[in-house]
């Protein structure tokens, strides 16, 4: 996934061979890059798990972690999204550290996230129950919710793009067959 553009398949044997050659040339550097990202994820994940023990947000954060890191997640997560996981995990740590100083504000922000997440999750669930194909951008909407978490709980980490609950709800309402 890292070195091959899977959105366009080669149409001729020459283009296929060119793709193979290019992929072979990049496999070493891509392996190192992938390894570095996995190591960072493991380190941040470990720190989060250590800090969760007995924390008031433990249940909430466990749900977030389970949505990001689940059995075989590496088979399903695009590498560009995977590269953001260390930031998401660092944001969780920052949130855990700041929680005691402003519990009320944390709860208010989490309520906004929960409403958005539930709407997205229920939408995906309805599509799947109907047997409809769920587009990648719909599945990947959860990463926009992670960016919203960063903007709420760890703004110093900076989001990849402008994000707000209102903006994301508007985007969600624009998905085909969306009804809340």
Protein backbone atom coordinates (compact mmCIF):
# COMPACT_ATOMS: atom_id res chain seq x y z
CA UNK A 1 0.00 0.00 0.00
CA UNK A 2 2.84 2.37 0.76
CA UNK A 3 4.61 2.31 -2.56
CA UNK A 4 1.86 1.36 -4.97
CA UNK A 5 -0.98 3.59 -6.03
CA UNK A 6 -3.84 1.10 -5.80
CA UNK A 7 -6.37 3.56 -7.16
CA UNK A 8 -5.09 2.91 -10.69
CA UNK A 9 -4.18 -0.54 -11.88
CA UNK A 10 -1.70 -0.97 -14.72
CA UNK A 11 -3.46 -1.54 -18.03
CA UNK A 12 -0.57 -3.08 -19.93
CA UNK A 13 2.13 -5.63 -19.17
CA UNK A 14 4.80 -2.94 -19.54
CA UNK A 15 3.07 -0.71 -16.98
CA UNK A 16 2.74 -3.71 -14.66
CA UNK A 17 6.46 -4.50 -14.95
CA UNK A 18 7.28 -0.83 -14.35
CA UNK A 19 5.17 -0.91 -11.20
CA UNK A 20 6.93 -4.08 -10.00
CA UNK A 21 10.36 -2.55 -10.57
CA UNK A 22 9.40 0.63 -8.74
CA UNK A 23 7.95 -1.35 -5.83
CA UNK A 24 11.07 -3.49 -5.50
CA UNK A 25 13.22 -0.36 -5.44
CA UNK A 26 11.16 1.14 -2.59
CA UNK A 27 10.59 -1.91 -0.41
CA UNK A 28 13.58 -1.34 1.88
CA UNK A 29 12.81 2.29 2.68
CA UNK A 30 9.10 1.53 3.03
CA UNK A 31 9.83 -1.30 5.46
CA UNK A 32 11.89 1.04 7.64
CA UNK A 33 9.18 3.70 7.52
CA UNK A 34 6.47 1.17 8.40
CA UNK A 35 8.57 -0.20 11.24
CA UNK A 36 9.16 3.28 12.65
CA UNK A 37 5.44 4.07 12.60
CA UNK A 38 4.58 0.76 14.30
CA UNK A 39 7.21 1.35 16.96
CA UNK A 40 5.85 4.83 17.67
CA UNK A 41 2.30 3.45 17.89
CA UNK A 42 3.41 0.72 20.29
CA UNK A 43 5.26 3.20 22.50
CA UNK A 44 2.38 5.70 22.69
CA UNK A 45 -0.16 2.90 23.18
CA UNK A 46 1.87 1.52 26.08
CA UNK A 47 2.05 4.95 27.72
CA UNK A 48 -1.71 5.41 27.33
CA UNK A 49 -2.47 1.99 28.80
CA UNK A 50 -0.23 2.70 31.80
CA UNK A 51 -1.94 6.02 32.48
CA UNK A 52 -5.46 4.58 32.10
CA UNK A 53 -5.23 2.36 35.15
CA UNK A 54 -7.82 3.76 37.59
CA UNK A 55 -8.40 6.97 35.58
CA UNK A 56 -11.94 8.37 35.41
CA UNK A 57 -11.79 8.35 31.60
CA UNK A 58 -10.57 4.75 31.35
CA UNK A 59 -13.81 3.33 29.90
CA UNK A 60 -14.21 6.14 27.39
CA UNK A 61 -10.59 5.96 26.25
CA UNK A 62 -10.72 2.16 25.98
CA UNK A 63 -13.61 2.53 23.51
CA UNK A 64 -11.56 5.01 21.48
CA UNK A 65 -8.54 2.72 21.52
CA UNK A 66 -10.63 -0.29 20.48
CA UNK A 67 -11.92 1.67 17.51
CA UNK A 68 -8.38 2.49 16.41
CA UNK A 69 -6.47 -0.64 17.34
CA UNK A 70 -8.36 -3.90 16.91
CA UNK A 71 -7.43 -7.40 15.70
CA UNK A 72 -6.03 -7.20 12.16
CA UNK A 73 -6.32 -3.39 12.04
CA UNK A 74 -3.08 -3.26 10.06
CA UNK A 75 -4.83 -5.12 7.24
CA UNK A 76 -7.55 -2.47 7.04
CA UNK A 77 -5.91 0.86 7.84
CA UNK A 78 -4.39 2.88 5.04
CA UNK A 79 -0.77 3.79 5.74
CA UNK A 80 -1.46 7.53 5.55
CA UNK A 81 -4.03 7.12 8.33
CA UNK A 82 -1.72 4.82 10.28
CA UNK A 83 0.98 7.50 10.29
CA UNK A 84 -1.41 9.69 12.31
CA UNK A 85 -1.97 7.11 15.07
CA UNK A 86 0.97 8.31 17.20
CA UNK A 87 -0.59 11.81 17.21
CA UNK A 88 -3.98 10.39 18.17
CA UNK A 89 -2.42 8.45 21.02
CA UNK A 90 -0.38 11.45 22.18
CA UNK A 91 -3.60 13.49 22.20
CA UNK A 92 -5.16 10.89 24.48
CA UNK A 93 -2.24 11.24 26.90
CA UNK A 94 -2.56 15.01 26.89
CA UNK A 95 -6.28 14.72 27.56
CA UNK A 96 -5.68 12.35 30.46
CA UNK A 97 -3.15 14.77 31.96
CA UNK A 98 -5.45 17.79 31.61
CA UNK A 99 -8.62 16.03 32.78
CA UNK A 100 -8.36 16.87 36.48
CA UNK A 101 -8.05 20.59 35.81
CA UNK A 102 -11.30 20.87 33.81
CA UNK A 103 -13.63 17.90 34.10
CA UNK A 104 -16.75 19.87 33.18
CA UNK A 105 -15.31 21.20 29.93
CA UNK A 106 -13.98 17.73 29.06
CA UNK A 107 -17.46 16.24 29.55
CA UNK A 108 -19.06 18.94 27.36
CA UNK A 109 -16.59 18.35 24.55
CA UNK A 110 -16.97 14.59 24.82
CA UNK A 111 -20.75 14.96 24.51
CA UNK A 112 -20.24 16.72 21.16
CA UNK A 113 -17.89 13.96 20.00
CA UNK A 114 -20.25 11.22 21.16
CA UNK A 115 -23.18 12.70 19.23
CA UNK A 116 -21.11 12.93 16.05
CA UNK A 117 -19.52 9.51 16.49
CA UNK A 118 -22.86 7.84 17.21
CA UNK A 119 -24.44 9.42 14.13
CA UNK A 120 -21.54 8.22 11.95
CA UNK A 121 -21.44 4.75 13.50
CA UNK A 122 -25.21 4.26 13.15
CA UNK A 123 -25.04 5.43 9.53
CA UNK A 124 -22.31 2.91 8.67
CA UNK A 125 -24.22 0.20 10.54
CA UNK A 126 -27.43 0.94 8.57
CA UNK A 127 -25.54 0.75 5.27
CA UNK A 128 -23.93 -2.54 6.21
CA UNK A 129 -27.23 -4.03 7.42
CA UNK A 130 -28.79 -3.14 4.06
CA UNK A 131 -25.92 -4.91 2.34
CA UNK A 132 -24.74 -1.69 0.70
CA UNK A 133 -21.11 -1.01 -0.05
CA UNK A 134 -19.60 1.53 2.32
CA UNK A 135 -17.21 3.88 0.57
CA UNK A 136 -13.71 4.31 1.97
CA UNK A 137 -14.31 8.01 2.68
CA UNK A 138 -17.28 7.06 4.85
CA UNK A 139 -15.21 4.58 6.86
CA UNK A 140 -12.38 7.10 7.05
CA UNK A 141 -14.71 9.72 8.52
CA UNK A 142 -13.69 8.34 11.92
CA UNK A 143 -10.27 9.91 11.40
CA UNK A 144 -11.93 13.29 11.08
CA UNK A 145 -13.49 12.62 14.47
CA UNK A 146 -9.99 11.86 15.79
CA UNK A 147 -8.85 15.23 14.41
CA UNK A 148 -11.77 16.83 16.25
CA UNK A 149 -10.59 15.16 19.45
CA UNK A 150 -7.15 16.67 18.87
CA UNK A 151 -8.64 20.13 18.34
CA UNK A 152 -10.67 19.78 21.56
CA UNK A 153 -8.26 18.07 23.92
CA UNK A 154 -4.75 18.63 22.54
CA UNK A 155 -4.82 21.70 20.27
CA UNK A 156 -1.07 22.21 20.56
CA UNK A 157 -0.62 19.08 18.40
CA UNK A 158 -2.40 20.88 15.54
CA UNK A 159 -4.96 19.23 13.32
CA UNK A 160 -4.22 18.22 9.74
CA UNK A 161 -7.03 20.49 8.52
CA UNK A 162 -9.69 22.79 9.89
CA UNK A 163 -12.21 20.78 11.85
CA UNK A 164 -15.26 21.50 13.98
CA UNK A 165 -18.24 19.49 15.17
CA UNK A 166 -20.56 21.66 13.07
CA UNK A 167 -18.44 21.20 9.95
CA UNK A 168 -18.24 17.42 10.43
CA UNK A 169 -21.96 17.11 11.07
CA UNK A 170 -22.59 19.03 7.85
CA UNK A 171 -20.29 16.65 5.98
CA UNK A 172 -21.99 13.64 7.53
CA UNK A 173 -25.41 15.01 6.55
CA UNK A 174 -24.14 15.19 2.97
CA UNK A 175 -23.45 11.45 2.76
CA UNK A 176 -25.87 9.46 0.58
CA UNK A 177 -28.91 8.10 2.41
CA UNK A 178 -27.87 9.77 5.65
CA UNK A 179 -30.64 10.40 8.11
CA UNK A 180 -30.12 11.05 11.76
